[in-house]
Amino acid sequence: MADVTLKIFRGNGEGGQLEEYIVPVAAGMVVLDALHYVQKQLAPDLAVRWNCKAGRCGSCSAEVNGRPRLTCKTRLDSLPQDQPITILPMKSFPVIKDLVTDVSWNYRVNKNIPAFKPRAGTNWRMQQADIDRVQEFRKCIECFLCQNVCHVLREHDKHEEFGGPRFFVRVAALEMHPLDATSRTATLKKELGIGLCNITKCCTEVCPEEIHITDNAIIPLKERVVDDFYDPLLRLVKKIRGADKPSP
């Protein structure tokens, strides 16, 4: 057994401070195990959100040593042992208490995205390649780490103008579905503000499901917005044909 020092944020939306806790470490422990030790032995009032402890629910998101992570998938032995481990709540969302943040804004954004609508007379048989293309986006566990690391939300607080990477992934799953009939480019341009994204790929780097958010979702969606709103020839062709959404 060895000991590790945790510096955990204690406070609420009005302010707080880092408090130190010494935790004995056993082989295979993750950050969430250490937080549970603090709750059980040192600070029973420590607020931590978690559910499955298996990297599937996305509930235990926090910032560990300055990087957005799932605490249930971050092993203590993967972090420097010669210095304290700092654990903070996600910065892009209001703090409720300690490590628990209010992420309800995300669900309000979600409600503004037009739902799946099948084409009239749809034959539900699809090519495997089409299934594989959208399946990647369905892996999202809504941990909101990508939302937290996005500088548009984190540093510039553009919550009213910008939907964030998670919802570009959701739109991509709908837009690229071969049987969907609804165009969401207007939603992407106006309500979700996809033009504010400058392709830093930070969201892809922190995704625990290894979704290629930037390359496979954001960039293709940006191209569709450009085609629909800024390509006069393509707009004319679509108007003549009566097409209501880009080809998948």
C-alpha atoms as a PDB file:
ATOM      1  CA  MET A   1       0.000   0.000   0.000  1.00  0.00           C
ATOM      2  CA  ALA A   2       1.106   3.534  -0.789  1.00  0.00           C
ATOM      3  CA  ASP A   3      -0.473   6.898  -0.158  1.00  0.00           C
ATOM      4  CA  VAL A   4      -1.547   9.549  -2.628  1.00  0.00           C
ATOM      5  CA  THR A   5      -2.628  13.108  -1.951  1.00  0.00           C
ATOM      6  CA  LEU A   6      -5.851  14.315  -3.558  1.00  0.00           C
ATOM      7  CA  LYS A   7      -6.606  18.018  -3.847  1.00  0.00           C
ATOM      8  CA  ILE A   8     -10.375  18.146  -4.318  1.00  0.00           C
ATOM      9  CA  PHE A   9     -12.523  21.191  -4.975  1.00  0.00           C
ATOM     10  CA  ARG A  10     -14.962  21.767  -2.118  1.00  0.00           C
ATOM     11  CA  GLY A  11     -17.614  24.419  -2.597  1.00  0.00           C
ATOM     12  CA  ASN A  12     -20.528  25.496  -4.751  1.00  0.00           C
ATOM     13  CA  GLY A  13     -21.445  28.008  -7.437  1.00  0.00           C
ATOM     14  CA  GLU A  14     -20.572  30.904  -5.152  1.00  0.00           C
ATOM     15  CA  GLY A  15     -17.004  29.752  -4.617  1.00  0.00           C
ATOM     16  CA  GLY A  16     -14.834  27.219  -2.860  1.00  0.00           C
ATOM     17  CA  GLN A  17     -11.303  25.977  -2.353  1.00  0.00           C
ATOM     18  CA  LEU A  18      -9.086  22.926  -2.791  1.00  0.00           C
ATOM     19  CA  GLU A  19      -8.830  20.632   0.211  1.00  0.00           C
ATOM     20  CA  GLU A  20      -6.217  17.903   0.636  1.00  0.00           C
ATOM     21  CA  TYR A  21      -6.939  14.286   1.536  1.00  0.00           C
ATOM     22  CA  ILE A  22      -4.464  11.447   1.990  1.00  0.00           C
ATOM     23  CA  VAL A  23      -5.710   8.187   0.451  1.00  0.00           C
ATOM     24  CA  PRO A  24      -4.076   4.739   0.680  1.00  0.00           C
ATOM     25  CA  VAL A  25      -3.677   3.250  -2.778  1.00  0.00           C
ATOM     26  CA  ALA A  26      -4.006  -0.387  -3.798  1.00  0.00           C
ATOM     27  CA  ALA A  27      -3.199  -1.927  -7.164  1.00  0.00           C
ATOM     28  CA  GLY A  28      -5.796  -1.242  -9.824  1.00  0.00           C
ATOM     29  CA  MET A  29      -7.478   1.672  -8.074  1.00  0.00           C
ATOM     30  CA  VAL A  30      -9.079   4.373 -10.174  1.00  0.00           C
ATOM     31  CA  VAL A  31      -9.745   7.994  -9.212  1.00  0.00           C
ATOM     32  CA  LEU A  32     -13.369   7.189  -8.411  1.00  0.00           C
ATOM     33  CA  ASP A  33     -12.211   4.559  -5.885  1.00  0.00           C
ATOM     34  CA  ALA A  34     -10.128   7.236  -4.184  1.00  0.00           C
ATOM     35  CA  LEU A  35     -13.084   9.609  -4.102  1.00  0.00           C
ATOM     36  CA  HIS A  36     -15.221   6.885  -2.540  1.00  0.00           C
ATOM     37  CA  TYR A  37     -12.543   6.371   0.124  1.00  0.00           C
ATOM     38  CA  VAL A  38     -12.650  10.098   0.908  1.00  0.00           C
ATOM     39  CA  GLN A  39     -16.449   9.933   1.162  1.00  0.00           C
ATOM     40  CA  LYS A  40     -16.385   6.902   3.455  1.00  0.00           C
ATOM     41  CA  GLN A  41     -13.449   7.721   5.698  1.00  0.00           C
ATOM     42  CA  LEU A  42     -12.643  11.433   5.566  1.00  0.00           C
ATOM     43  CA  ALA A  43     -15.446  13.644   4.230  1.00  0.00           C
ATOM     44  CA  PRO A  44     -18.902  12.011   4.119  1.00  0.00           C
ATOM     45  CA  ASP A  45     -20.399  15.223   2.721  1.00  0.00           C
ATOM     46  CA  LEU A  46     -18.232  15.193  -0.437  1.00  0.00           C
ATOM     47  CA  ALA A  47     -20.581  15.418  -3.445  1.00  0.00           C
ATOM     48  CA  VAL A  48     -19.626  13.160  -6.360  1.00  0.00           C
ATOM     49  CA  ARG A  49     -21.839  12.084  -9.239  1.00  0.00           C
ATOM     50  CA  TRP A  50     -21.442   8.496 -10.449  1.00  0.00           C
ATOM     51  CA  ASN A  51     -23.544   5.494 -11.380  1.00  0.00           C
ATOM     52  CA  CYS A  52     -22.146   2.425 -13.140  1.00  0.00           C
ATOM     53  CA  LYS A  53     -18.389   2.633 -12.407  1.00  0.00           C
ATOM     54  CA  ALA A  54     -17.895   0.876 -15.732  1.00  0.00           C
ATOM     55  CA  GLY A  55     -17.366   3.743 -18.149  1.00  0.00           C
ATOM     56  CA  ARG A  56     -20.836   3.385 -19.633  1.00  0.00           C
ATOM     57  CA  CYS A  57     -23.052   5.954 -17.912  1.00  0.00           C
ATOM     58  CA  GLY A  58     -20.870   9.051 -18.317  1.00  0.00           C
ATOM     59  CA  SER A  59     -21.858  10.364 -14.884  1.00  0.00           C
ATOM     60  CA  CYS A  60     -18.469  10.663 -13.172  1.00  0.00           C
ATOM     61  CA  SER A  61     -16.939  13.319 -15.428  1.00  0.00           C
ATOM     62  CA  ALA A  62     -14.471  15.677 -13.756  1.00  0.00           C
ATOM     63  CA  GLU A  63     -11.173  17.423 -14.429  1.00  0.00           C
ATOM     64  CA  VAL A  64      -8.240  15.350 -13.193  1.00  0.00           C
ATOM     65  CA  ASN A  65      -4.928  17.206 -13.226  1.00  0.00           C
ATOM     66  CA  GLY A  66      -6.500  19.727 -15.586  1.00  0.00           C
ATOM     67  CA  ARG A  67      -7.782  17.205 -18.135  1.00  0.00           C
ATOM     68  CA  PRO A  68     -11.463  16.250 -18.533  1.00  0.00           C
ATOM     69  CA  ARG A  69     -11.776  12.537 -17.737  1.00  0.00           C
ATOM     70  CA  LEU A  70     -14.111   9.855 -16.471  1.00  0.00           C
ATOM     71  CA  THR A  71     -12.901   9.221 -12.930  1.00  0.00           C
ATOM     72  CA  CYS A  72     -13.968   5.568 -13.173  1.00  0.00           C
ATOM     73  CA  LYS A  73     -11.604   4.984 -16.117  1.00  0.00           C
ATOM     74  CA  THR A  74      -8.624   6.984 -14.840  1.00  0.00           C
ATOM     75  CA  ARG A  75      -6.217   4.697 -12.995  1.00  0.00           C
ATOM     76  CA  LEU A  76      -4.226   6.255 -10.200  1.00  0.00           C
ATOM     77  CA  ASP A  77      -1.044   4.563 -11.433  1.00  0.00           C
ATOM     78  CA  SER A  78      -1.418   6.412 -14.746  1.00  0.00           C
ATOM     79  CA  LEU A  79      -0.957   9.746 -12.937  1.00  0.00           C
ATOM     80  CA  PRO A  80       2.232  11.216 -11.449  1.00  0.00           C
ATOM     81  CA  GLN A  81       2.665   9.808  -7.956  1.00  0.00           C
ATOM     82  CA  ASP A  82       5.190  12.379  -6.716  1.00  0.00           C
ATOM     83  CA  GLN A  83       2.703  15.245  -6.619  1.00  0.00           C
ATOM     84  CA  PRO A  84      -0.912  15.781  -5.505  1.00  0.00           C
ATOM     85  CA  ILE A  85      -3.699  14.784  -7.884  1.00  0.00           C
ATOM     86  CA  THR A  86      -6.040  17.716  -8.443  1.00  0.00           C
ATOM     87  CA  ILE A  87      -9.714  16.968  -9.033  1.00  0.00           C
ATOM     88  CA  LEU A  88     -12.039  19.764 -10.123  1.00  0.00           C
ATOM     89  CA  PRO A  89     -15.627  19.940 -11.401  1.00  0.00           C
ATOM     90  CA  MET A  90     -16.193  20.471 -15.124  1.00  0.00           C
ATOM     91  CA  LYS A  91     -15.552  24.119 -15.895  1.00  0.00           C
ATOM     92  CA  SER A  92     -18.107  24.594 -18.697  1.00  0.00           C
ATOM     93  CA  PHE A  93     -21.111  24.059 -16.414  1.00  0.00           C
ATOM     94  CA  PRO A  94     -22.362  25.651 -13.176  1.00  0.00           C
ATOM     95  CA  VAL A  95     -21.198  23.974  -9.976  1.00  0.00           C
ATOM     96  CA  ILE A  96     -23.941  22.596  -7.743  1.00  0.00           C
ATOM     97  CA  LYS A  97     -21.678  21.246  -5.013  1.00  0.00           C
ATOM     98  CA  ASP A  98     -18.084  20.015  -4.969  1.00  0.00           C
ATOM     99  CA  LEU A  99     -17.592  17.856  -8.082  1.00  0.00           C
ATOM    100  CA  VAL A 100     -21.247  17.869  -9.164  1.00  0.00           C
ATOM    101  CA  THR A 101     -22.176  20.264 -11.962  1.00  0.00           C
ATOM    102  CA  ASP A 102     -25.498  21.239 -13.512  1.00  0.00           C
ATOM    103  CA  VAL A 103     -25.483  19.803 -17.050  1.00  0.00           C
ATOM    104  CA  SER A 104     -29.204  20.358 -17.714  1.00  0.00           C
ATOM    105  CA  TRP A 105     -28.345  22.952 -20.388  1.00  0.00           C
ATOM    106  CA  ASN A 106     -27.325  20.051 -22.633  1.00  0.00           C
ATOM    107  CA  TYR A 107     -30.794  18.538 -22.546  1.00  0.00           C
ATOM    108  CA  ARG A 108     -32.375  21.845 -23.480  1.00  0.00           C
ATOM    109  CA  VAL A 109     -30.112  22.005 -26.538  1.00  0.00           C
ATOM    110  CA  ASN A 110     -31.081  18.450 -27.423  1.00  0.00           C
ATOM    111  CA  LYS A 111     -34.768  19.348 -27.603  1.00  0.00           C
ATOM    112  CA  ASN A 112     -34.113  21.818 -30.442  1.00  0.00           C
ATOM    113  CA  ILE A 113     -32.725  19.178 -32.808  1.00  0.00           C
ATOM    114  CA  PRO A 114     -35.311  17.889 -35.312  1.00  0.00           C
ATOM    115  CA  ALA A 115     -36.010  14.206 -34.752  1.00  0.00           C
ATOM    116  CA  PHE A 116     -35.525  11.378 -37.231  1.00  0.00           C
ATOM    117  CA  LYS A 117     -38.134  11.391 -39.991  1.00  0.00           C
ATOM    118  CA  PRO A 118     -38.123   8.523 -42.512  1.00  0.00           C
ATOM    119  CA  ARG A 119     -38.530   9.197 -46.191  1.00  0.00           C
ATOM    120  CA  ALA A 120     -41.973   8.498 -47.640  1.00  0.00           C
ATOM    121  CA  GLY A 121     -42.335   4.924 -48.856  1.00  0.00           C
ATOM    122  CA  THR A 122     -39.097   3.933 -47.141  1.00  0.00           C
ATOM    123  CA  ASN A 123     -37.617   0.519 -47.777  1.00  0.00           C
ATOM    124  CA  TRP A 124     -35.927  -0.206 -44.461  1.00  0.00           C
ATOM    125  CA  ARG A 125     -33.179  -2.340 -45.960  1.00  0.00           C
ATOM    126  CA  MET A 126     -29.798  -0.587 -45.756  1.00  0.00           C
ATOM    127  CA  GLN A 127     -26.262  -1.220 -46.890  1.00  0.00           C
ATOM    128  CA  GLN A 128     -23.825  -2.295 -44.177  1.00  0.00           C
ATOM    129  CA  ALA A 129     -21.566   0.629 -45.069  1.00  0.00           C
ATOM    130  CA  ASP A 130     -24.374   3.061 -44.251  1.00  0.00           C
ATOM    131  CA  ILE A 131     -24.992   1.344 -40.919  1.00  0.00           C
ATOM    132  CA  ASP A 132     -21.302   1.446 -40.036  1.00  0.00           C
ATOM    133  CA  ARG A 133     -21.114   5.156 -40.845  1.00  0.00           C
ATOM    134  CA  VAL A 134     -23.699   6.217 -38.276  1.00  0.00           C
ATOM    135  CA  GLN A 135     -23.004   3.492 -35.703  1.00  0.00           C
ATOM    136  CA  GLU A 136     -19.909   5.322 -34.447  1.00  0.00           C
ATOM    137  CA  PHE A 137     -22.016   8.300 -33.360  1.00  0.00           C
ATOM    138  CA  ARG A 138     -24.392   6.044 -31.404  1.00  0.00           C
ATOM    139  CA  LYS A 139     -21.579   5.138 -29.004  1.00  0.00           C
ATOM    140  CA  CYS A 140     -21.833   8.520 -27.242  1.00  0.00           C
ATOM    141  CA  ILE A 141     -22.476   8.067 -23.490  1.00  0.00           C
ATOM    142  CA  GLU A 142     -23.180  11.766 -22.881  1.00  0.00           C
ATOM    143  CA  CYS A 143     -20.370  12.242 -20.407  1.00  0.00           C
ATOM    144  CA  PHE A 144     -20.106  15.808 -21.801  1.00  0.00           C
ATOM    145  CA  LEU A 145     -16.312  15.787 -21.601  1.00  0.00           C
ATOM    146  CA  CYS A 146     -16.242  17.064 -25.177  1.00  0.00           C
ATOM    147  CA  GLN A 147     -18.565  19.895 -24.171  1.00  0.00           C
ATOM    148  CA  ASN A 148     -16.336  20.728 -21.238  1.00  0.00           C
ATOM    149  CA  VAL A 149     -13.078  20.853 -23.191  1.00  0.00           C
ATOM    150  CA  CYS A 150     -14.537  22.887 -26.088  1.00  0.00           C
ATOM    151  CA  HIS A 151     -13.071  26.379 -25.811  1.00  0.00           C
ATOM    152  CA  VAL A 152     -16.214  27.976 -27.309  1.00  0.00           C
ATOM    153  CA  LEU A 153     -18.147  26.864 -24.229  1.00  0.00           C
ATOM    154  CA  ARG A 154     -15.320  26.660 -21.699  1.00  0.00           C
ATOM    155  CA  GLU A 155     -13.471  29.897 -22.360  1.00  0.00           C
ATOM    156  CA  HIS A 156     -16.008  32.048 -24.213  1.00  0.00           C
ATOM    157  CA  ASP A 157     -19.274  30.927 -22.577  1.00  0.00           C
ATOM    158  CA  LYS A 158     -21.179  30.826 -25.885  1.00  0.00           C
ATOM    159  CA  HIS A 159     -23.927  28.595 -24.501  1.00  0.00           C
ATOM    160  CA  GLU A 160     -26.661  30.667 -26.110  1.00  0.00           C
ATOM    161  CA  GLU A 161     -25.100  30.577 -29.600  1.00  0.00           C
ATOM    162  CA  PHE A 162     -23.323  27.201 -29.701  1.00  0.00           C
ATOM    163  CA  GLY A 163     -24.525  23.621 -29.298  1.00  0.00           C
ATOM    164  CA  GLY A 164     -21.177  21.933 -28.780  1.00  0.00           C
ATOM    165  CA  PRO A 165     -19.508  18.737 -30.050  1.00  0.00           C
ATOM    166  CA  ARG A 166     -21.897  16.317 -28.400  1.00  0.00           C
ATOM    167  CA  PHE A 167     -24.834  17.670 -30.397  1.00  0.00           C
ATOM    168  CA  PHE A 168     -22.918  17.841 -33.644  1.00  0.00           C
ATOM    169  CA  VAL A 169     -22.415  14.115 -33.114  1.00  0.00           C
ATOM    170  CA  ARG A 170     -26.151  13.647 -32.613  1.00  0.00           C
ATOM    171  CA  VAL A 171     -26.993  15.683 -35.713  1.00  0.00           C
ATOM    172  CA  ALA A 172     -24.434  13.698 -37.723  1.00  0.00           C
ATOM    173  CA  ALA A 173     -26.109  10.439 -36.699  1.00  0.00           C
ATOM    174  CA  LEU A 174     -29.384  11.788 -38.093  1.00  0.00           C
ATOM    175  CA  GLU A 175     -28.101  13.699 -41.127  1.00  0.00           C
ATOM    176  CA  MET A 176     -26.007  10.800 -42.371  1.00  0.00           C
ATOM    177  CA  HIS A 177     -28.714   8.211 -41.900  1.00  0.00           C
ATOM    178  CA  PRO A 178     -29.612   7.040 -45.418  1.00  0.00           C
ATOM    179  CA  LEU A 179     -33.336   6.865 -44.654  1.00  0.00           C
ATOM    180  CA  ASP A 180     -33.797  10.248 -42.964  1.00  0.00           C
ATOM    181  CA  ALA A 181     -35.726  12.952 -44.833  1.00  0.00           C
ATOM    182  CA  THR A 182     -35.089  16.059 -42.728  1.00  0.00           C
ATOM    183  CA  SER A 183     -32.429  18.688 -43.364  1.00  0.00           C
ATOM    184  CA  ARG A 184     -30.865  20.146 -40.214  1.00  0.00           C
ATOM    185  CA  THR A 185     -28.398  22.523 -41.841  1.00  0.00           C
ATOM    186  CA  ALA A 186     -30.452  25.556 -40.804  1.00  0.00           C
ATOM    187  CA  THR A 187     -30.428  24.306 -37.213  1.00  0.00           C
ATOM    188  CA  LEU A 188     -26.660  23.747 -37.408  1.00  0.00           C
ATOM    189  CA  LYS A 189     -26.068  27.254 -38.748  1.00  0.00           C
ATOM    190  CA  LYS A 190     -28.426  29.209 -36.511  1.00  0.00           C
ATOM    191  CA  GLU A 191     -29.385  27.447 -33.272  1.00  0.00           C
ATOM    192  CA  LEU A 192     -26.231  25.303 -32.911  1.00  0.00           C
ATOM    193  CA  GLY A 193     -23.738  27.821 -34.325  1.00  0.00           C
ATOM    194  CA  ILE A 194     -21.455  25.273 -35.962  1.00  0.00           C
ATOM    195  CA  GLY A 195     -19.559  28.116 -37.645  1.00  0.00           C
ATOM    196  CA  LEU A 196     -18.014  29.007 -34.270  1.00  0.00           C
ATOM    197  CA  CYS A 197     -16.085  25.719 -34.208  1.00  0.00           C
ATOM    198  CA  ASN A 198     -12.531  26.199 -35.473  1.00  0.00           C
ATOM    199  CA  ILE A 199     -11.575  22.502 -35.633  1.00  0.00           C
ATOM    200  CA  THR A 200      -9.099  22.221 -32.742  1.00  0.00           C
ATOM    201  CA  LYS A 201      -9.910  18.494 -32.306  1.00  0.00           C
ATOM    202  CA  CYS A 202      -9.754  18.827 -28.509  1.00  0.00           C
ATOM    203  CA  CYS A 203     -13.181  17.176 -28.278  1.00  0.00           C
ATOM    204  CA  THR A 204     -11.935  14.112 -30.142  1.00  0.00           C
ATOM    205  CA  GLU A 205      -8.917  13.845 -27.849  1.00  0.00           C
ATOM    206  CA  VAL A 206     -10.982  13.517 -24.648  1.00  0.00           C
ATOM    207  CA  CYS A 207     -13.794  11.272 -25.941  1.00  0.00           C
ATOM    208  CA  PRO A 208     -13.746   8.043 -23.869  1.00  0.00           C
ATOM    209  CA  GLU A 209     -15.551   6.203 -26.678  1.00  0.00           C
ATOM    210  CA  GLU A 210     -12.919   7.302 -29.220  1.00  0.00           C
ATOM    211  CA  ILE A 211     -15.511   8.836 -31.531  1.00  0.00           C
ATOM    212  CA  HIS A 212     -13.822  10.804 -34.322  1.00  0.00           C
ATOM    213  CA  ILE A 213     -15.953  13.844 -33.539  1.00  0.00           C
ATOM    214  CA  THR A 214     -14.070  16.380 -35.634  1.00  0.00           C
ATOM    215  CA  ASP A 215     -13.216  14.358 -38.731  1.00  0.00           C
ATOM    216  CA  ASN A 216     -16.364  12.248 -39.033  1.00  0.00           C
ATOM    217  CA  ALA A 217     -19.052  14.571 -37.640  1.00  0.00           C
ATOM    218  CA  ILE A 218     -18.119  18.260 -37.450  1.00  0.00           C
ATOM    219  CA  ILE A 219     -16.211  18.659 -40.719  1.00  0.00           C
ATOM    220  CA  PRO A 220     -18.838  16.837 -42.867  1.00  0.00           C
ATOM    221  CA  LEU A 221     -21.603  18.887 -41.222  1.00  0.00           C
ATOM    222  CA  LYS A 222     -19.720  22.119 -41.855  1.00  0.00           C
ATOM    223  CA  GLU A 223     -19.436  21.117 -45.516  1.00  0.00           C
ATOM    224  CA  ARG A 224     -23.196  20.576 -45.721  1.00  0.00           C
ATOM    225  CA  VAL A 225     -23.886  23.974 -44.205  1.00  0.00           C
ATOM    226  CA  VAL A 226     -21.524  25.607 -46.686  1.00  0.00           C
ATOM    227  CA  ASP A 227     -23.176  23.760 -49.586  1.00  0.00           C
ATOM    228  CA  ASP A 228     -26.689  24.722 -48.497  1.00  0.00           C
ATOM    229  CA  PHE A 229     -26.064  28.365 -47.618  1.00  0.00           C
ATOM    230  CA  TYR A 230     -23.012  29.537 -49.540  1.00  0.00           C
ATOM    231  CA  ASP A 231     -22.868  27.579 -52.823  1.00  0.00           C
ATOM    232  CA  PRO A 232     -25.217  29.429 -55.230  1.00  0.00           C
ATOM    233  CA  LEU A 233     -25.026  26.802 -57.978  1.00  0.00           C
ATOM    234  CA  LEU A 234     -25.800  23.907 -55.657  1.00  0.00           C
ATOM    235  CA  ARG A 235     -28.651  25.853 -54.062  1.00  0.00           C
ATOM    236  CA  LEU A 236     -30.148  26.462 -57.500  1.00  0.00           C
ATOM    237  CA  VAL A 237     -29.870  22.788 -58.459  1.00  0.00           C
ATOM    238  CA  LYS A 238     -31.548  21.725 -55.210  1.00  0.00           C
ATOM    239  CA  LYS A 239     -34.304  24.248 -55.683  1.00  0.00           C
ATOM    240  CA  ILE A 240     -34.997  22.942 -59.194  1.00  0.00           C
ATOM    241  CA  ARG A 241     -34.954  19.336 -58.030  1.00  0.00           C
ATOM    242  CA  GLY A 242     -36.924  20.072 -54.883  1.00  0.00           C
ATOM    243  CA  ALA A 243     -34.357  18.291 -52.741  1.00  0.00           C
ATOM    244  CA  ASP A 244     -34.733  18.943 -49.020  1.00  0.00           C
ATOM    245  CA  LYS A 245     -31.496  17.477 -47.717  1.00  0.00           C
ATOM    246  CA  PRO A 246     -27.984  16.623 -48.928  1.00  0.00           C
ATOM    247  CA  SER A 247     -27.242  13.096 -50.060  1.00  0.00           C
ATOM    248  CA  PRO A 248     -25.930  10.820 -47.293  1.00  0.00           C
END
